[in-house]
């Protein structure tokens, strides 16, 4: 009986971890459709947004709002992009600002999507963060100020930087 249970658990884990890339993209599109309508979302407009949290709460999904506006952090190895390898561009899920290209993404083994450089100067801003007894730099969207994650100095060349981001605040658009 015990051996049957162990076999069943191993089979279930293998089944869950074998999601094909096409299925992952299908799941990503499904997640995007579930988000409420957001009139401030634009992949072309770079004008700064200075909206009160009450407005963001109305236009963002509860999950995006919790991270983007309340600075929550998703659990490691649970986000939709932590091990995603598609080619394209990552945008802020709150406002649509371009943030990272997939060719700057690397496998950092930290459990969150990690990038070594931003897509353009000004796409993100930084704030010192001394929460939880740590000294680090918080990374914010350069357009809307959404909390994206943190910046560390342990990344690969050429920058030596690791932008450790929360998947929930990223949208991905594949290259055509």
N, C-alpha and C. Protein backbone atom coordinates (compact mmCIF):
# COMPACT_ATOMS: atom_id res chain seq x y z
N UNK A 1 0.83 -1.20 0.00
CA UNK A 1 0.00 0.00 0.00
C UNK A 1 0.87 1.26 0.00
N UNK A 2 1.91 1.25 0.84
CA UNK A 2 2.81 2.40 0.94
C UNK A 2 3.52 2.64 -0.40
N UNK A 3 3.95 1.55 -1.03
CA UNK A 3 4.64 1.66 -2.32
C UNK A 3 3.68 2.21 -3.39
N UNK A 4 2.43 1.81 -3.36
CA UNK A 4 1.43 2.33 -4.29
C UNK A 4 1.25 3.83 -4.11
N UNK A 5 1.18 4.28 -2.87
CA UNK A 5 1.01 5.70 -2.56
C UNK A 5 2.21 6.51 -3.08
N UNK A 6 3.42 6.01 -2.85
CA UNK A 6 4.63 6.69 -3.30
C UNK A 6 4.63 6.77 -4.83
N UNK A 7 4.28 5.67 -5.48
CA UNK A 7 4.21 5.65 -6.94
C UNK A 7 3.19 6.65 -7.46
N UNK A 8 2.05 6.72 -6.81
CA UNK A 8 1.00 7.65 -7.19
C UNK A 8 1.47 9.10 -7.06
N UNK A 9 2.15 9.42 -5.98
CA UNK A 9 2.66 10.77 -5.76
C UNK A 9 3.70 11.13 -6.82
N UNK A 10 4.62 10.21 -7.10
CA UNK A 10 5.65 10.46 -8.12
C UNK A 10 5.00 10.68 -9.48
N UNK A 11 4.02 9.86 -9.83
CA UNK A 11 3.31 10.01 -11.09
C UNK A 11 2.61 11.37 -11.16
N UNK A 12 1.97 11.78 -10.09
CA UNK A 12 1.27 13.07 -10.06
C UNK A 12 2.25 14.23 -10.24
N UNK A 13 3.41 14.15 -9.60
CA UNK A 13 4.42 15.20 -9.74
C UNK A 13 4.94 15.26 -11.17
N UNK A 14 5.18 14.12 -11.78
CA UNK A 14 5.64 14.10 -13.16
C UNK A 14 4.59 14.67 -14.10
N UNK A 15 3.35 14.34 -13.86
CA UNK A 15 2.26 14.84 -14.68
C UNK A 15 2.14 16.35 -14.57
N UNK A 16 2.26 16.89 -13.37
CA UNK A 16 2.16 18.34 -13.15
C UNK A 16 3.33 19.10 -13.74
N UNK A 17 4.51 18.50 -13.74
CA UNK A 17 5.70 19.22 -14.20
C UNK A 17 5.92 19.08 -15.70
N UNK A 18 5.08 18.34 -16.41
CA UNK A 18 5.32 18.12 -17.83
C UNK A 18 4.44 18.99 -18.72
N UNK A 19 4.07 20.18 -18.24
CA UNK A 19 3.25 21.07 -19.05
C UNK A 19 4.05 21.51 -20.27
N UNK A 20 3.50 21.30 -21.43
CA UNK A 20 4.17 21.67 -22.68
C UNK A 20 4.19 23.18 -22.84
N UNK A 21 5.19 23.74 -23.56
CA UNK A 21 5.26 25.19 -23.78
C UNK A 21 3.98 25.77 -24.37
N UNK A 22 3.37 25.08 -25.32
CA UNK A 22 2.13 25.58 -25.92
C UNK A 22 1.03 25.69 -24.88
N UNK A 23 0.96 24.74 -23.96
CA UNK A 23 -0.03 24.77 -22.90
C UNK A 23 0.24 25.93 -21.93
N UNK A 24 1.53 26.20 -21.66
CA UNK A 24 1.87 27.33 -20.79
C UNK A 24 1.40 28.64 -21.40
N UNK A 25 1.62 28.83 -22.71
CA UNK A 25 1.20 30.06 -23.37
C UNK A 25 -0.32 30.17 -23.34
N UNK A 26 -1.01 29.06 -23.56
CA UNK A 26 -2.47 29.06 -23.48
C UNK A 26 -2.94 29.48 -22.09
N UNK A 27 -2.28 28.97 -21.05
CA UNK A 27 -2.62 29.34 -19.68
C UNK A 27 -2.34 30.81 -19.41
N UNK A 28 -1.24 31.34 -19.98
CA UNK A 28 -0.90 32.76 -19.80
C UNK A 28 -1.98 33.64 -20.42
N UNK A 29 -2.43 33.29 -21.63
CA UNK A 29 -3.48 34.08 -22.29
C UNK A 29 -4.78 34.03 -21.50
N UNK A 30 -5.08 32.87 -20.94
CA UNK A 30 -6.29 32.72 -20.14
C UNK A 30 -6.22 33.63 -18.91
N UNK A 31 -5.04 33.69 -18.26
CA UNK A 31 -4.88 34.55 -17.09
C UNK A 31 -5.07 36.02 -17.45
N UNK A 32 -4.54 36.44 -18.61
CA UNK A 32 -4.66 37.83 -19.03
C UNK A 32 -6.12 38.22 -19.24
N UNK A 33 -6.92 37.31 -19.77
CA UNK A 33 -8.32 37.60 -20.04
C UNK A 33 -9.13 37.75 -18.74
N UNK A 34 -8.65 37.18 -17.65
CA UNK A 34 -9.38 37.24 -16.39
C UNK A 34 -9.19 38.58 -15.67
N UNK A 35 -8.21 39.37 -16.09
CA UNK A 35 -7.96 40.65 -15.43
C UNK A 35 -9.03 41.66 -15.81
N UNK A 36 -9.40 42.53 -14.85
CA UNK A 36 -10.40 43.57 -15.16
C UNK A 36 -9.88 44.54 -16.22
N UNK A 37 -10.80 45.26 -16.83
CA UNK A 37 -10.44 46.25 -17.84
C UNK A 37 -9.65 47.38 -17.19
N UNK A 38 -8.56 47.77 -17.80
CA UNK A 38 -7.68 48.80 -17.26
C UNK A 38 -7.45 49.87 -18.31
N UNK A 39 -8.10 51.04 -18.19
CA UNK A 39 -7.94 52.10 -19.18
C UNK A 39 -6.56 52.75 -19.17
N UNK A 40 -5.75 52.48 -18.16
CA UNK A 40 -4.42 53.09 -18.05
C UNK A 40 -3.34 52.20 -18.65
N UNK A 41 -3.71 51.01 -19.09
CA UNK A 41 -2.76 50.06 -19.65
C UNK A 41 -2.47 50.42 -21.11
N UNK A 42 -1.18 50.63 -21.42
CA UNK A 42 -0.77 50.92 -22.80
C UNK A 42 0.66 50.45 -22.98
N UNK A 43 0.92 49.74 -24.06
CA UNK A 43 2.27 49.28 -24.35
C UNK A 43 3.05 50.30 -25.16
N UNK A 44 2.42 51.45 -25.48
CA UNK A 44 3.11 52.49 -26.25
C UNK A 44 3.25 53.80 -25.49
N UNK A 45 2.35 54.11 -24.59
CA UNK A 45 2.37 55.36 -23.84
C UNK A 45 3.41 55.26 -22.72
N UNK A 46 4.33 56.21 -22.68
CA UNK A 46 5.35 56.21 -21.62
C UNK A 46 5.15 57.36 -20.63
N UNK A 47 4.05 58.10 -20.76
CA UNK A 47 3.77 59.21 -19.84
C UNK A 47 3.58 58.66 -18.43
N UNK A 48 4.14 59.36 -17.46
CA UNK A 48 4.04 58.95 -16.06
C UNK A 48 2.59 58.96 -15.60
N UNK A 49 2.25 57.98 -14.79
CA UNK A 49 0.93 57.88 -14.18
C UNK A 49 1.06 58.13 -12.69
N UNK A 50 0.22 58.99 -12.16
CA UNK A 50 0.22 59.27 -10.74
C UNK A 50 -1.21 59.15 -10.24
N UNK A 51 -1.65 57.91 -10.06
CA UNK A 51 -3.02 57.64 -9.67
C UNK A 51 -3.08 57.17 -8.22
N UNK A 52 -4.15 57.50 -7.52
CA UNK A 52 -4.28 57.01 -6.15
C UNK A 52 -4.54 55.50 -6.12
N UNK A 53 -4.19 54.86 -5.02
CA UNK A 53 -4.37 53.42 -4.89
C UNK A 53 -5.83 53.00 -5.07
N UNK A 54 -6.77 53.87 -4.72
CA UNK A 54 -8.19 53.54 -4.89
C UNK A 54 -8.53 53.28 -6.36
N UNK A 55 -7.90 54.04 -7.27
CA UNK A 55 -8.11 53.83 -8.70
C UNK A 55 -7.48 52.51 -9.13
N UNK A 56 -6.24 52.27 -8.68
CA UNK A 56 -5.56 51.02 -9.04
C UNK A 56 -6.34 49.81 -8.54
N UNK A 57 -6.91 49.91 -7.37
CA UNK A 57 -7.67 48.79 -6.81
C UNK A 57 -8.87 48.43 -7.69
N UNK A 58 -9.44 49.41 -8.37
CA UNK A 58 -10.58 49.17 -9.25
C UNK A 58 -10.19 48.53 -10.57
N UNK A 59 -9.01 48.84 -11.07
CA UNK A 59 -8.64 48.39 -12.42
C UNK A 59 -7.68 47.19 -12.45
N UNK A 60 -7.08 46.85 -11.34
CA UNK A 60 -6.16 45.72 -11.30
C UNK A 60 -6.82 44.50 -10.66
N UNK A 61 -6.38 43.31 -11.06
CA UNK A 61 -6.85 42.10 -10.39
C UNK A 61 -6.35 42.15 -8.94
N UNK A 62 -6.99 41.44 -8.03
CA UNK A 62 -6.53 41.45 -6.63
C UNK A 62 -5.09 40.98 -6.47
N UNK A 63 -4.66 40.02 -7.29
CA UNK A 63 -3.29 39.51 -7.19
C UNK A 63 -2.27 40.55 -7.65
N UNK A 64 -2.55 41.21 -8.77
CA UNK A 64 -1.64 42.24 -9.26
C UNK A 64 -1.63 43.42 -8.30
N UNK A 65 -2.78 43.83 -7.80
CA UNK A 65 -2.86 44.94 -6.86
C UNK A 65 -2.04 44.66 -5.60
N UNK A 66 -2.15 43.45 -5.07
CA UNK A 66 -1.43 43.10 -3.83
C UNK A 66 0.08 43.28 -3.99
N UNK A 67 0.61 42.89 -5.13
CA UNK A 67 2.06 43.02 -5.34
C UNK A 67 2.43 44.43 -5.80
N UNK A 68 1.73 44.93 -6.81
CA UNK A 68 2.08 46.22 -7.40
C UNK A 68 1.90 47.39 -6.44
N UNK A 69 0.83 47.39 -5.67
CA UNK A 69 0.53 48.54 -4.81
C UNK A 69 0.82 48.29 -3.34
N UNK A 70 0.72 47.03 -2.88
CA UNK A 70 0.94 46.73 -1.46
C UNK A 70 2.28 46.06 -1.21
N UNK A 71 3.07 45.90 -2.25
CA UNK A 71 4.44 45.36 -2.18
C UNK A 71 4.51 43.94 -1.63
N UNK A 72 3.51 43.14 -1.94
CA UNK A 72 3.55 41.72 -1.56
C UNK A 72 4.53 41.00 -2.48
N UNK A 73 4.98 39.84 -2.04
CA UNK A 73 5.90 39.03 -2.84
C UNK A 73 5.29 37.66 -3.04
N UNK A 74 5.28 37.20 -4.28
CA UNK A 74 4.77 35.85 -4.53
C UNK A 74 5.78 34.83 -4.01
N UNK A 75 5.31 33.65 -3.69
CA UNK A 75 6.20 32.60 -3.22
C UNK A 75 7.16 32.18 -4.34
N UNK A 76 8.38 31.87 -3.96
CA UNK A 76 9.35 31.43 -4.97
C UNK A 76 8.88 30.14 -5.64
N UNK A 77 9.25 30.01 -6.89
CA UNK A 77 8.94 28.84 -7.73
C UNK A 77 7.44 28.65 -7.99
N UNK A 78 6.64 29.69 -7.80
CA UNK A 78 5.20 29.58 -8.05
C UNK A 78 4.71 30.49 -9.17
N UNK A 79 5.46 31.50 -9.52
CA UNK A 79 5.04 32.47 -10.53
C UNK A 79 5.05 31.88 -11.94
N UNK A 80 4.21 32.44 -12.79
CA UNK A 80 4.06 31.92 -14.15
C UNK A 80 5.29 32.09 -15.03
N UNK A 81 6.23 32.99 -14.65
CA UNK A 81 7.39 33.23 -15.49
C UNK A 81 8.72 32.80 -14.88
N UNK A 82 8.74 32.22 -13.70
CA UNK A 82 10.02 31.94 -13.05
C UNK A 82 10.92 31.04 -13.90
N UNK A 83 10.33 30.09 -14.63
CA UNK A 83 11.14 29.22 -15.48
C UNK A 83 10.71 29.28 -16.95
N UNK A 84 9.99 30.32 -17.30
CA UNK A 84 9.49 30.47 -18.66
C UNK A 84 10.62 30.88 -19.60
N UNK A 85 10.67 30.29 -20.79
CA UNK A 85 11.78 30.56 -21.70
C UNK A 85 11.34 31.12 -23.05
N UNK A 86 10.11 31.58 -23.17
CA UNK A 86 9.64 32.15 -24.43
C UNK A 86 10.41 33.40 -24.81
N UNK A 87 10.46 33.68 -26.09
CA UNK A 87 11.16 34.86 -26.62
C UNK A 87 10.16 35.99 -26.82
N UNK A 88 10.47 37.16 -26.27
CA UNK A 88 9.58 38.30 -26.40
C UNK A 88 9.92 39.39 -25.40
N UNK A 89 8.91 40.18 -25.04
CA UNK A 89 9.08 41.33 -24.16
C UNK A 89 8.17 41.20 -22.94
N UNK A 90 8.70 41.59 -21.79
CA UNK A 90 7.95 41.62 -20.54
C UNK A 90 7.53 43.06 -20.26
N UNK A 91 6.27 43.23 -19.92
CA UNK A 91 5.68 44.55 -19.64
C UNK A 91 5.13 44.58 -18.22
N UNK A 92 4.97 45.80 -17.69
CA UNK A 92 4.33 45.98 -16.39
C UNK A 92 2.86 45.57 -16.52
N UNK A 93 2.40 44.68 -15.67
CA UNK A 93 1.01 44.21 -15.73
C UNK A 93 0.03 45.28 -15.28
N UNK A 94 0.50 46.31 -14.59
CA UNK A 94 -0.38 47.38 -14.13
C UNK A 94 -0.61 48.44 -15.20
N UNK A 95 0.45 48.81 -15.94
CA UNK A 95 0.31 49.93 -16.88
C UNK A 95 0.75 49.65 -18.31
N UNK A 96 1.43 48.51 -18.56
CA UNK A 96 1.86 48.19 -19.92
C UNK A 96 3.24 48.69 -20.29
N UNK A 97 3.96 49.31 -19.38
CA UNK A 97 5.29 49.83 -19.65
C UNK A 97 6.26 48.69 -19.98
N UNK A 98 7.05 48.84 -21.05
CA UNK A 98 8.05 47.84 -21.41
C UNK A 98 9.14 47.80 -20.35
N UNK A 99 9.50 46.60 -19.89
CA UNK A 99 10.47 46.45 -18.80
C UNK A 99 11.72 45.66 -19.20
N UNK A 100 11.52 44.46 -19.73
CA UNK A 100 12.64 43.55 -20.00
C UNK A 100 12.42 42.80 -21.31
N UNK A 101 13.52 42.44 -21.96
CA UNK A 101 13.48 41.54 -23.11
C UNK A 101 13.88 40.14 -22.62
N UNK A 102 13.36 39.15 -23.28
CA UNK A 102 13.65 37.77 -22.89
C UNK A 102 15.12 37.41 -23.03
N UNK A 103 15.85 38.09 -23.94
CA UNK A 103 17.27 37.77 -24.07
C UNK A 103 18.11 38.30 -22.91
N UNK A 104 17.49 39.07 -22.00
CA UNK A 104 18.17 39.51 -20.78
C UNK A 104 17.74 38.67 -19.57
N UNK A 105 16.92 37.65 -19.80
CA UNK A 105 16.44 36.77 -18.73
C UNK A 105 17.44 35.63 -18.55
N UNK A 106 17.65 35.22 -17.32
CA UNK A 106 18.55 34.11 -17.06
C UNK A 106 18.02 33.25 -15.92
N UNK A 107 18.46 32.02 -15.87
CA UNK A 107 18.04 31.08 -14.82
C UNK A 107 18.90 31.33 -13.59
N UNK A 108 18.32 32.02 -12.61
CA UNK A 108 19.10 32.37 -11.42
C UNK A 108 18.93 31.35 -10.30
N UNK A 109 18.01 30.45 -10.41
CA UNK A 109 17.68 29.43 -9.41
C UNK A 109 17.11 30.00 -8.11
N UNK A 110 16.73 31.27 -8.12
CA UNK A 110 16.15 31.88 -6.92
C UNK A 110 14.64 31.65 -6.84
N UNK A 111 14.02 31.23 -7.95
CA UNK A 111 12.59 30.96 -7.94
C UNK A 111 11.72 32.07 -8.47
N UNK A 112 12.33 33.17 -8.88
CA UNK A 112 11.62 34.29 -9.50
C UNK A 112 12.26 34.59 -10.84
N UNK A 113 11.50 35.16 -11.78
CA UNK A 113 12.13 35.54 -13.04
C UNK A 113 13.22 36.58 -12.79
N UNK A 114 14.37 36.36 -13.39
CA UNK A 114 15.51 37.24 -13.18
C UNK A 114 16.06 37.73 -14.51
N UNK A 115 16.45 39.00 -14.53
CA UNK A 115 16.95 39.66 -15.73
C UNK A 115 18.23 40.41 -15.36
N UNK A 116 19.15 40.57 -16.34
CA UNK A 116 20.38 41.30 -16.04
C UNK A 116 20.36 42.75 -16.52
N UNK A 117 19.33 43.14 -17.30
CA UNK A 117 19.21 44.53 -17.71
C UNK A 117 17.78 44.86 -18.11
N UNK A 118 17.46 46.14 -18.02
CA UNK A 118 16.13 46.62 -18.41
C UNK A 118 16.10 46.89 -19.90
N UNK A 119 14.91 47.04 -20.45
CA UNK A 119 14.75 47.24 -21.88
C UNK A 119 15.22 48.62 -22.34
N UNK A 120 15.07 49.64 -21.48
CA UNK A 120 15.53 50.99 -21.82
C UNK A 120 15.71 51.80 -20.54
N UNK A 121 16.52 52.82 -20.63
CA UNK A 121 16.74 53.71 -19.48
C UNK A 121 15.41 54.34 -19.08
N UNK A 122 15.12 54.35 -17.80
CA UNK A 122 13.89 54.95 -17.29
C UNK A 122 12.70 54.01 -17.23
N UNK A 123 12.87 52.78 -17.72
CA UNK A 123 11.74 51.85 -17.66
C UNK A 123 11.46 51.40 -16.23
N UNK A 124 12.46 51.50 -15.37
CA UNK A 124 12.27 51.23 -13.94
C UNK A 124 12.93 52.33 -13.12
N UNK A 125 12.52 52.44 -11.88
CA UNK A 125 13.16 53.34 -10.91
C UNK A 125 13.50 52.50 -9.68
N UNK A 126 14.24 53.10 -8.77
CA UNK A 126 14.73 52.37 -7.60
C UNK A 126 14.47 53.15 -6.32
N UNK A 127 14.23 52.41 -5.26
CA UNK A 127 14.12 52.98 -3.92
C UNK A 127 14.90 52.10 -2.96
N UNK A 128 15.59 52.70 -1.98
CA UNK A 128 16.24 51.87 -0.96
C UNK A 128 15.17 51.12 -0.16
N UNK A 129 15.44 49.87 0.15
CA UNK A 129 14.50 49.05 0.92
C UNK A 129 15.27 48.39 2.06
N UNK A 130 14.90 48.74 3.27
CA UNK A 130 15.54 48.18 4.45
C UNK A 130 14.58 47.31 5.26
N UNK A 131 13.56 46.79 4.59
CA UNK A 131 12.58 45.95 5.29
C UNK A 131 13.17 44.58 5.61
N UNK A 132 12.60 43.94 6.61
CA UNK A 132 12.97 42.59 7.03
C UNK A 132 14.45 42.46 7.39
N UNK A 133 15.06 43.55 7.86
CA UNK A 133 16.45 43.51 8.28
C UNK A 133 17.46 43.39 7.14
N UNK A 134 17.02 43.63 5.91
CA UNK A 134 17.91 43.54 4.75
C UNK A 134 18.14 44.92 4.17
N UNK A 135 19.23 45.08 3.45
CA UNK A 135 19.50 46.30 2.70
C UNK A 135 19.51 45.91 1.23
N UNK A 136 18.57 46.45 0.48
CA UNK A 136 18.45 46.11 -0.94
C UNK A 136 17.78 47.26 -1.67
N UNK A 137 17.68 47.15 -2.98
CA UNK A 137 17.04 48.17 -3.80
C UNK A 137 15.74 47.63 -4.35
N UNK A 138 14.66 48.33 -4.06
CA UNK A 138 13.36 47.99 -4.61
C UNK A 138 13.30 48.48 -6.05
N UNK A 139 12.71 47.68 -6.93
CA UNK A 139 12.54 48.05 -8.33
C UNK A 139 11.07 48.39 -8.56
N UNK A 140 10.84 49.59 -9.10
CA UNK A 140 9.48 50.07 -9.38
C UNK A 140 9.33 50.33 -10.87
N UNK A 141 8.12 50.19 -11.37
CA UNK A 141 7.85 50.54 -12.76
C UNK A 141 8.11 52.03 -12.94
N UNK A 142 8.84 52.39 -13.97
CA UNK A 142 9.16 53.79 -14.23
C UNK A 142 7.98 54.62 -14.68
N UNK A 143 6.90 53.99 -15.09
CA UNK A 143 5.71 54.72 -15.54
C UNK A 143 4.67 54.87 -14.44
N UNK A 144 4.35 53.78 -13.72
CA UNK A 144 3.25 53.84 -12.75
C UNK A 144 3.67 53.66 -11.31
N UNK A 145 4.94 53.34 -11.07
CA UNK A 145 5.42 53.18 -9.71
C UNK A 145 5.05 51.86 -9.06
N UNK A 146 4.60 50.89 -9.84
CA UNK A 146 4.25 49.57 -9.30
C UNK A 146 5.49 48.88 -8.75
N UNK A 147 5.33 48.21 -7.62
CA UNK A 147 6.40 47.38 -7.06
C UNK A 147 6.56 46.17 -7.96
N UNK A 148 7.80 45.96 -8.44
CA UNK A 148 8.08 44.83 -9.33
C UNK A 148 8.91 43.75 -8.65
N UNK A 149 9.83 44.16 -7.79
CA UNK A 149 10.73 43.21 -7.14
C UNK A 149 11.93 43.95 -6.58
N UNK A 150 13.10 43.32 -6.65
CA UNK A 150 14.32 43.90 -6.09
C UNK A 150 15.51 43.70 -7.02
N UNK A 151 16.52 44.54 -6.83
CA UNK A 151 17.75 44.49 -7.62
C UNK A 151 18.90 44.05 -6.73
N UNK A 152 19.69 43.09 -7.24
CA UNK A 152 20.84 42.59 -6.50
C UNK A 152 22.08 42.64 -7.38
N UNK A 153 23.24 42.64 -6.75
CA UNK A 153 24.52 42.73 -7.48
C UNK A 153 25.18 41.37 -7.66
N UNK A 154 24.38 40.33 -7.86
CA UNK A 154 24.94 38.99 -8.03
C UNK A 154 24.52 38.34 -9.36
N UNK A 155 24.28 39.18 -10.36
CA UNK A 155 23.85 38.67 -11.66
C UNK A 155 25.02 38.35 -12.58
N UNK A 156 24.72 37.86 -13.76
CA UNK A 156 25.77 37.48 -14.72
C UNK A 156 26.32 38.69 -15.49
N UNK A 157 27.43 38.50 -16.19
CA UNK A 157 27.91 39.54 -17.10
C UNK A 157 26.87 39.79 -18.19
N UNK A 158 26.80 40.89 -18.80
CA UNK A 158 27.78 41.97 -18.71
C UNK A 158 27.51 42.97 -17.59
N UNK A 159 26.35 42.93 -16.94
CA UNK A 159 26.00 43.95 -15.95
C UNK A 159 26.30 43.55 -14.52
N UNK A 160 26.30 42.27 -14.23
CA UNK A 160 26.48 41.81 -12.85
C UNK A 160 25.24 42.06 -12.00
N UNK A 161 24.14 42.46 -12.62
CA UNK A 161 22.89 42.78 -11.91
C UNK A 161 21.90 41.63 -12.01
N UNK A 162 21.06 41.49 -10.98
CA UNK A 162 19.95 40.54 -11.01
C UNK A 162 18.67 41.27 -10.61
N UNK A 163 17.85 41.54 -11.60
CA UNK A 163 16.53 42.10 -11.36
C UNK A 163 15.63 40.92 -11.03
N UNK A 164 15.31 40.74 -9.77
CA UNK A 164 14.53 39.62 -9.28
C UNK A 164 13.06 40.08 -9.19
N UNK A 165 12.23 39.65 -10.14
CA UNK A 165 10.89 40.20 -10.31
C UNK A 165 9.80 39.21 -9.89
N UNK A 166 8.64 39.75 -9.56
CA UNK A 166 7.45 38.95 -9.29
C UNK A 166 6.72 38.72 -10.61
N UNK A 167 6.43 37.47 -10.93
CA UNK A 167 5.74 37.14 -12.18
C UNK A 167 4.39 37.81 -12.29
N UNK A 168 3.68 37.93 -11.19
CA UNK A 168 2.31 38.43 -11.21
C UNK A 168 2.22 39.86 -11.72
N UNK A 169 3.29 40.63 -11.62
CA UNK A 169 3.27 42.01 -12.10
C UNK A 169 3.91 42.16 -13.48
N UNK A 170 4.11 41.03 -14.15
CA UNK A 170 4.68 41.04 -15.50
C UNK A 170 3.66 40.48 -16.48
N UNK A 171 3.58 41.13 -17.64
CA UNK A 171 2.85 40.60 -18.79
C UNK A 171 3.91 40.24 -19.82
N UNK A 172 3.66 39.23 -20.61
CA UNK A 172 4.62 38.79 -21.63
C UNK A 172 3.95 38.81 -23.00
N UNK A 173 4.66 39.39 -23.97
CA UNK A 173 4.18 39.39 -25.36
C UNK A 173 5.26 38.69 -26.18
N UNK A 174 4.92 37.54 -26.77
CA UNK A 174 5.93 36.81 -27.55
C UNK A 174 6.28 37.55 -28.83
N UNK A 175 7.53 37.34 -29.29
CA UNK A 175 7.95 37.87 -30.59
C UNK A 175 7.12 37.20 -31.67
N UNK A 176 6.91 37.93 -32.74
CA UNK A 176 6.14 37.37 -33.87
C UNK A 176 7.03 36.57 -34.78
